[in-house]
Each structure stands twice: as structure tokens, then as C-alpha cells.
Amino acid sequence: MTAFPIPPSFTSLESEPYNLLPYPLDFNDDDETCRAESFDRLIALAENGNRSLNCGGYALFEEEEDVWCDGERVQALYTLVR
């Protein structure tokens, strides 16, 4: 069984074997308004996943499609935490 490698820092998640970006490709930061809208989209994405987890509970972990843990949501969480 392979253990999940623990990265020594957040920025380590941006290089192999990970593929997270500092900001998603569609993140618009031309000005403060655009940046705020981009962060609003990231927060909405994270909150939708949280609602799925809250409503679905452990049954979500048995489903084939992890709507609460797709790559887009993980990228959003990473950007928000970073």
C-alpha cells in the first residue's frame, strides 16, 4: 500500500507529483473587482462541495463520482488556503 506523500510546504503542491496551480487558469486578476469575482467563484465552488458532503455524508465516499472532491474543487481550496 502506498502512503500519501506529505508535502513539506504548500508550494510543493505545485510540482511533481502534484499538479495544483497558485491560481486556476481562469482566475482573472486584472483589477480588484475581477480578483474579487474570481475569489467569489472559488468560494462558491468550495461551498457547493461542502453542501454535498453535509447532505450526502459517508455515502458520498462510496459513489463512483466524487462531486465533493473533483479536481476543480481541490484547486479552489488550495488557492483559497494559499
Protein backbone atom coordinates (compact mmCIF):
# COMPACT_ATOMS: atom_id res chain seq x y z
CA MET A 1 0.00 0.00 0.00
CA THR A 2 1.39 3.40 -0.98
CA ALA A 3 1.25 6.18 1.56
CA PHE A 4 0.17 9.65 0.50
CA PRO A 5 3.33 11.79 0.41
CA ILE A 6 3.10 14.73 2.79
CA PRO A 7 4.45 17.87 1.12
CA PRO A 8 6.91 19.93 3.20
CA SER A 9 5.22 23.19 2.17
CA PHE A 10 2.18 24.49 0.32
CA THR A 11 4.23 25.43 -2.73
CA SER A 12 5.39 21.82 -3.01
CA LEU A 13 1.86 21.03 -4.17
CA GLU A 14 2.64 22.95 -7.37
CA SER A 15 5.31 20.49 -8.56
CA GLU A 16 5.51 16.73 -9.18
CA PRO A 17 3.83 14.51 -8.09
CA TYR A 18 1.14 17.17 -7.62
CA ASN A 19 -0.34 19.47 -10.23
CA LEU A 20 -2.02 22.31 -8.35
CA LEU A 21 -1.54 25.88 -9.55
CA PRO A 22 -1.18 29.04 -7.46
CA TYR A 23 -4.34 30.24 -9.22
CA PRO A 24 -6.72 28.39 -11.57
CA LEU A 25 -6.21 29.09 -15.27
CA ASP A 26 -9.49 31.06 -15.49
CA PHE A 27 -8.61 33.24 -12.47
CA ASN A 28 -8.97 36.87 -13.54
CA ASP A 29 -6.86 39.35 -11.60
CA ASP A 30 -6.80 42.32 -13.98
CA ASP A 31 -8.05 44.59 -11.18
CA GLU A 32 -9.55 44.37 -7.68
CA THR A 33 -13.10 43.86 -8.97
CA CYS A 34 -12.08 40.99 -11.25
CA ARG A 35 -9.99 39.43 -8.49
CA ALA A 36 -12.93 39.64 -6.06
CA GLU A 37 -15.24 37.98 -8.59
CA SER A 38 -12.68 35.22 -9.15
CA PHE A 39 -12.43 34.56 -5.42
CA ASP A 40 -16.25 34.58 -5.17
CA ARG A 41 -16.35 31.80 -7.81
CA LEU A 42 -13.75 29.77 -5.87
CA ILE A 43 -15.71 30.16 -2.64
CA ALA A 44 -18.97 29.13 -4.33
CA LEU A 45 -17.27 26.03 -5.74
CA ALA A 46 -15.94 25.06 -2.30
CA GLU A 47 -19.31 25.73 -0.64
CA ASN A 48 -21.17 23.56 -3.17
CA GLY A 49 -18.86 20.68 -2.31
CA ASN A 50 -19.37 21.34 1.39
CA ARG A 51 -23.15 21.19 0.92
CA SER A 52 -22.78 17.87 -0.94
CA LEU A 53 -20.72 16.48 1.93
CA ASN A 54 -23.17 17.78 4.51
CA CYS A 55 -26.19 16.26 2.75
CA GLY A 56 -24.61 13.06 1.46
CA GLY A 57 -22.46 12.09 4.41
CA TYR A 58 -20.37 8.93 4.14
CA ALA A 59 -22.44 7.65 1.22
CA LEU A 60 -20.53 10.11 -0.98
CA PHE A 61 -17.35 8.14 -0.40
CA GLU A 62 -18.96 5.05 -1.93
CA GLU A 63 -20.08 6.77 -5.14
CA GLU A 64 -18.01 6.49 -8.29
CA GLU A 65 -18.13 10.22 -8.99
CA ASP A 66 -16.79 12.35 -6.18
CA VAL A 67 -18.68 15.60 -6.78
CA TRP A 68 -17.37 16.96 -3.49
CA CYS A 69 -13.74 16.21 -4.31
CA ASP A 70 -13.17 16.85 -8.00
CA GLY A 71 -10.02 18.49 -9.28
CA GLU A 72 -11.64 21.89 -9.73
CA ARG A 73 -12.79 22.00 -6.10
CA VAL A 74 -9.40 20.84 -4.80
CA GLN A 75 -7.72 23.57 -6.88
CA ALA A 76 -10.19 26.14 -5.48
CA LEU A 77 -9.50 25.05 -1.90
CA TYR A 78 -5.75 25.16 -2.48
CA THR A 79 -5.91 28.67 -3.95
CA LEU A 80 -8.09 29.92 -1.10
CA VAL A 81 -5.83 28.46 1.58
CA ARG A 82 -2.68 29.59 -0.17
